[in-house]
Protein backbone atom coordinates (compact mmCIF):
# COMPACT_ATOMS: atom_id res chain seq x y z
CA MET A 1 229.00 113.02 209.93
CA ASP A 2 226.85 112.66 213.04
CA LEU A 3 224.40 115.24 211.68
CA LEU A 4 224.15 113.45 208.33
CA ILE A 5 223.45 110.15 210.06
CA LYS A 6 220.72 111.82 212.14
CA GLN A 7 219.19 113.32 209.00
CA LEU A 8 219.09 109.96 207.27
CA LYS A 9 217.55 108.37 210.36
CA ALA A 10 214.91 111.10 210.30
CA ILE A 11 213.70 109.90 206.89
CA GLY A 12 213.42 106.25 207.92
CA PHE A 13 216.91 104.75 207.91
CA THR A 14 218.27 102.77 210.84
CA GLU A 15 221.64 103.89 212.15
CA TYR A 16 223.42 100.97 210.48
CA GLU A 17 221.62 101.63 207.19
CA ALA A 18 222.57 105.30 207.30
CA LYS A 19 226.21 104.53 208.04
CA SER A 20 226.32 101.89 205.30
CA TYR A 21 224.92 104.18 202.63
CA VAL A 22 227.28 107.03 203.58
CA SER A 23 230.19 104.59 203.53
CA LEU A 24 229.24 103.44 200.03
CA VAL A 25 228.89 107.04 198.82
CA GLU A 26 232.40 107.73 200.06
CA GLN A 27 233.94 104.51 198.65
CA GLY A 28 231.94 103.68 195.55
CA THR A 29 231.59 100.03 194.54
CA VAL A 30 233.05 97.82 197.29
CA THR A 31 232.56 94.56 199.17
CA ALA A 32 230.49 94.11 202.31
CA TYR A 33 233.74 93.75 204.25
CA GLN A 34 234.94 97.14 203.07
CA VAL A 35 231.62 98.73 204.04
CA SER A 36 231.91 97.15 207.47
CA LYS A 37 235.48 98.31 207.95
CA LYS A 38 234.77 101.88 206.79
CA SER A 39 231.50 102.34 208.69
CA GLY A 40 232.36 100.48 211.89
CA ILE A 41 229.32 98.21 211.56
CA PRO A 42 229.95 94.70 212.91
CA ARG A 43 230.53 92.12 210.16
CA ALA A 44 227.80 89.99 211.68
CA ARG A 45 225.29 92.76 210.91
CA ILE A 46 226.57 94.19 207.65
CA TYR A 47 224.97 91.65 205.28
CA ASP A 48 221.47 92.08 206.73
CA THR A 49 221.92 95.84 206.65
CA LEU A 50 223.00 95.88 203.01
CA LYS A 51 220.19 93.49 202.11
CA ALA A 52 217.69 95.93 203.64
CA LEU A 53 219.20 98.80 201.65
CA VAL A 54 219.02 96.77 198.44
CA GLU A 55 215.33 96.10 199.11
CA LYS A 56 214.79 99.82 199.69
CA GLY A 57 216.35 100.48 196.31
CA VAL A 58 219.15 102.73 197.55
CA VAL A 59 221.97 100.18 197.18
CA LEU A 60 222.76 98.09 194.10
CA LYS A 61 224.15 94.56 194.44
CA GLU A 62 226.27 92.87 191.78
CA GLU A 63 227.00 89.16 192.13
CA LYS A 64 230.58 88.12 191.27
CA THR A 65 232.22 84.72 191.22
CA ASP A 66 234.35 85.67 194.21
CA GLY A 67 231.58 87.46 196.11
CA ALA A 68 229.13 90.34 195.87
CA LEU A 69 229.90 94.00 195.25
CA TYR A 70 227.70 96.82 196.47
CA SER A 71 227.22 100.28 194.96
CA PRO A 72 225.29 103.26 196.26
CA LEU A 73 222.40 104.71 194.33
CA PRO A 74 223.88 107.92 192.83
CA VAL A 75 223.40 110.81 195.23
CA ASP A 76 221.31 112.91 192.82
CA VAL A 77 218.99 109.97 192.20
CA PHE A 78 218.83 109.16 195.91
CA LEU A 79 217.95 112.77 196.82
CA GLU A 80 215.18 112.92 194.22
CA LYS A 81 213.85 109.56 195.41
CA ALA A 82 213.94 110.76 199.04
CA GLN A 83 212.20 114.02 198.15
CA ASN A 84 209.45 112.30 196.17
CA SER A 85 208.95 109.77 198.95
CA PHE A 86 208.73 112.53 201.56
CA GLN A 87 206.21 114.54 199.53
CA THR A 88 204.07 111.48 198.89
CA ASN A 89 204.14 110.48 202.56
CA PHE A 90 203.48 114.05 203.65
CA LEU A 91 200.42 114.44 201.43
CA SER A 92 199.12 111.04 202.50
CA MET A 93 199.68 111.94 206.16
CA CYS A 94 197.90 115.29 205.71
CA THR A 95 194.86 113.60 204.20
CA ALA A 96 194.74 110.89 206.85
CA LEU A 97 195.15 113.29 209.78
CA LYS A 98 192.62 115.80 208.47
CA GLU A 99 190.07 113.03 207.98
CA ARG A 100 190.56 111.95 211.57
CA GLU A 101 190.63 115.41 213.10
CA LYS A 102 187.65 116.11 215.31
CA LYS A 103 185.62 118.75 213.51
CA GLU A 104 182.85 119.57 215.95
CA GLU A 105 183.18 122.61 218.17
CA LYS A 106 184.61 121.89 221.58
CA GLY A 107 182.30 122.70 224.46
CA GLU A 108 185.00 124.28 226.60
CA ARG A 109 187.42 127.02 225.66
CA GLN A 110 191.07 126.05 225.67
CA VAL A 111 194.30 127.32 227.15
CA LEU A 112 197.03 124.98 225.93
CA THR A 113 200.73 125.01 226.79
CA LEU A 114 203.22 125.02 223.92
CA LYS A 115 206.88 124.17 224.28
CA ASP A 116 209.82 124.00 221.86
CA LYS A 117 210.93 126.90 219.69
CA SER A 118 210.10 125.33 216.33
CA SER A 119 206.61 124.27 217.47
CA ILE A 120 205.78 127.73 218.78
CA ILE A 121 206.96 129.47 215.61
CA SER A 122 205.20 126.96 213.36
CA TYR A 123 201.94 127.42 215.28
CA CYS A 124 202.23 131.21 214.97
CA LYS A 125 202.92 131.03 211.24
CA THR A 126 199.96 128.73 210.71
CA LEU A 127 197.61 131.09 212.54
CA ILE A 128 198.88 134.09 210.56
CA LYS A 129 198.10 132.32 207.30
CA LYS A 130 194.53 131.70 208.50
CA ALA A 131 193.86 135.33 209.46
CA GLU A 132 190.82 136.82 207.72
CA LYS A 133 190.41 140.36 209.08
CA ARG A 134 192.81 141.45 211.79
CA ILE A 135 196.09 140.56 213.47
CA VAL A 136 197.19 142.19 216.72
CA ILE A 137 200.81 141.80 217.80
CA SER A 138 203.05 142.87 220.64
CA MET A 139 206.59 141.54 220.40
CA TRP A 140 210.28 142.29 220.56
CA ASP A 141 212.46 142.34 217.49
CA ASP A 142 213.80 138.76 217.75
CA PHE A 143 210.35 137.20 217.65
CA TYR A 144 209.05 139.71 215.11
CA HIS A 145 211.78 138.76 212.63
CA GLU A 146 210.84 135.08 212.97
CA LEU A 147 207.33 135.96 211.73
CA LYS A 148 208.15 138.90 209.47
CA GLU A 149 207.86 137.02 206.18
CA GLU A 150 204.44 135.57 207.01
CA LEU A 151 203.17 138.95 208.25
CA GLU A 152 204.31 140.66 205.06
CA LYS A 153 202.53 138.05 202.94
CA VAL A 154 199.13 138.80 204.51
CA GLU A 155 199.67 142.53 205.01
CA SER A 156 197.61 143.49 201.95
CA GLU A 157 194.67 141.28 202.96
CA VAL A 158 194.30 141.80 206.71
CA GLU A 159 194.78 144.69 209.11
CA ILE A 160 197.90 144.35 211.26
CA LYS A 161 198.25 146.53 214.34
CA GLY A 162 199.98 146.57 217.72
CA LEU A 163 203.58 147.40 218.53
CA THR A 164 207.14 146.15 218.38
CA LEU A 165 210.46 147.13 219.91
CA HIS A 166 213.77 147.71 218.08
CA VAL A 167 212.15 147.09 214.67
CA GLU A 168 212.53 149.46 211.72
CA ASN A 169 209.55 149.91 209.42
CA PRO A 170 207.26 147.24 210.87
CA VAL A 171 204.36 145.94 208.78
CA GLY A 172 200.87 147.39 208.70
CA ASN A 173 199.85 149.91 211.34
CA VAL A 174 202.21 148.52 213.95
CA ASP A 175 203.67 151.13 216.31
CA ILE A 176 207.26 151.14 217.50
CA HIS A 177 207.58 150.90 221.27
CA ARG A 178 209.59 153.65 222.89
CA VAL A 179 212.95 152.70 224.37
CA THR A 180 213.00 153.10 228.14
CA GLN A 181 215.13 152.11 231.10
CA PHE A 182 212.65 149.33 231.74
CA THR A 183 212.79 147.88 228.22
CA GLU A 184 216.59 147.96 228.19
CA ALA A 185 217.10 146.51 231.66
CA PRO A 186 218.78 143.06 231.51
CA ALA A 187 216.24 141.68 233.97
CA SER A 188 213.23 142.78 231.92
CA LYS A 189 211.12 139.83 230.79
CA LYS A 190 210.36 139.73 227.08
CA TRP A 191 206.98 138.41 226.02
CA PHE A 192 205.03 138.24 222.81
CA ILE A 193 201.34 138.34 221.92
CA LEU A 194 199.82 137.24 218.61
CA SER A 195 196.05 137.55 218.24
CA ILE A 196 194.19 136.39 215.12
CA ASP A 197 190.74 137.87 214.36
CA ALA A 198 190.11 138.14 218.13
CA LYS A 199 189.38 134.40 217.99
CA LYS A 200 192.71 132.69 218.55
CA MET A 201 195.83 133.81 220.35
CA ILE A 202 199.34 132.68 221.21
CA TYR A 203 201.31 134.48 223.90
CA GLY A 204 204.43 133.66 225.86
CA SER A 205 208.12 134.24 226.41
CA VAL A 206 210.49 135.23 223.62
CA LEU A 207 212.79 132.70 222.07
CA ASP A 208 215.53 131.38 224.31
CA ASP A 209 216.60 128.00 225.64
CA LYS A 210 213.36 127.60 227.63
CA GLU A 211 210.59 128.52 225.23
CA LEU A 212 207.11 128.55 226.68
CA ALA A 213 203.90 129.81 225.14
CA PHE A 214 200.16 129.42 225.49
CA TYR A 215 197.46 128.99 222.87
CA THR A 216 193.90 130.02 223.67
CA ASP A 217 190.56 130.53 221.99
CA ASP A 218 189.03 131.84 225.21
CA PRO A 219 187.42 135.25 224.49
CA VAL A 220 188.19 136.57 227.98
CA HIS A 221 191.92 135.89 227.63
CA ILE A 222 191.92 137.39 224.17
CA TYR A 223 190.00 140.52 225.19
CA LEU A 224 192.23 141.20 228.20
CA LEU A 225 195.48 140.77 226.29
CA GLU A 226 194.32 142.74 223.27
CA ASP A 227 193.24 145.49 225.67
CA TYR A 228 196.70 145.33 227.25
CA VAL A 229 198.27 145.83 223.83
CA TRP A 230 195.96 148.77 223.14
CA HIS A 231 196.88 150.46 226.43
CA ASP A 232 200.56 149.98 225.65
CA VAL A 233 200.05 151.53 222.21
CA LEU A 234 198.08 154.39 223.77
CA VAL A 235 200.76 155.21 226.34
CA ASN A 236 203.41 155.27 223.63
CA ARG A 237 201.32 157.66 221.54
CA ILE A 238 200.62 159.94 224.51
CA VAL A 239 204.31 160.14 225.36
CA ARG A 240 205.16 161.07 221.76
CA ARG A 241 202.50 163.81 221.67
CA ASN A 242 203.22 165.29 225.08
CA LYS A 243 205.73 168.11 225.07
CA ASP A 244 206.63 167.60 228.71
CA ASP A 245 209.07 164.94 229.82
CA ILE A 246 206.68 162.43 231.34
CA GLU A 247 208.85 159.36 230.82
CA GLN A 248 210.44 159.79 234.23
CA TRP A 249 207.04 160.22 235.84
CA ILE A 250 205.73 157.02 234.16
CA SER A 251 208.77 155.11 235.39
CA LYS A 252 208.26 156.37 238.92
CA GLU A 253 204.56 155.49 238.94
CA ARG A 254 205.31 152.01 237.63
CA LYS A 255 207.79 151.35 240.41
CA LYS A 256 205.25 152.49 242.98
CA PHE A 257 202.56 150.25 241.53
CA PHE A 258 204.77 147.15 241.54
CA ASN A 259 206.45 148.02 244.88
CA GLU A 260 209.85 148.23 243.23
CA GLU A 261 211.08 151.31 245.07
């Protein structure tokens, strides 16, 4: 119930309006008193609430000699009305925001901080759709699967390269990262990189309870991180081609470099 109330509030209902409409859906045609009793809305507020719902067209009022009866708009009709209203508002909002968006090129390059899982994923998906020539990725399986559908949609139009870990049959020319003691260590930090046409990039931590990512159009950032991805791809290819067991040597050299011994 709490989730349903939140969802109705998200499309413009007040809490009392949401509770009233749900109460009517559950009861059918009833009096204001019965709505109040079922929903827990104070009787002093129920009439104004129902009046607002009548004006919104989602509650029907029938005057009787002994008082008024209220009925909910049938759920199927309500849902279609809500959907049409959302689509209309969304298109209007898109037009208004795009007209107001500053179009001129910014003088300074940006490095912006992104927070919240849904925002980060949405930003990544939007950039993927705008790719024209090349996408470079470096990411673990959990983040890859969040973007898999969008990557597959553009696979035939743009070149996709880089590497992933724990992913079977990745898109494009994406390599599969070798499994090592470092990648499987619980303390290993998981990051992702998504570069679009070497012009825009998002990079950051993988999805957890504290999502953090960065967006940049700075060519220096993009070059350095794309070069990092290339070196990672190169090392993986060298290890696969080399007949000797150099994995242990690489691990040892890494520990020495980062003073982990």
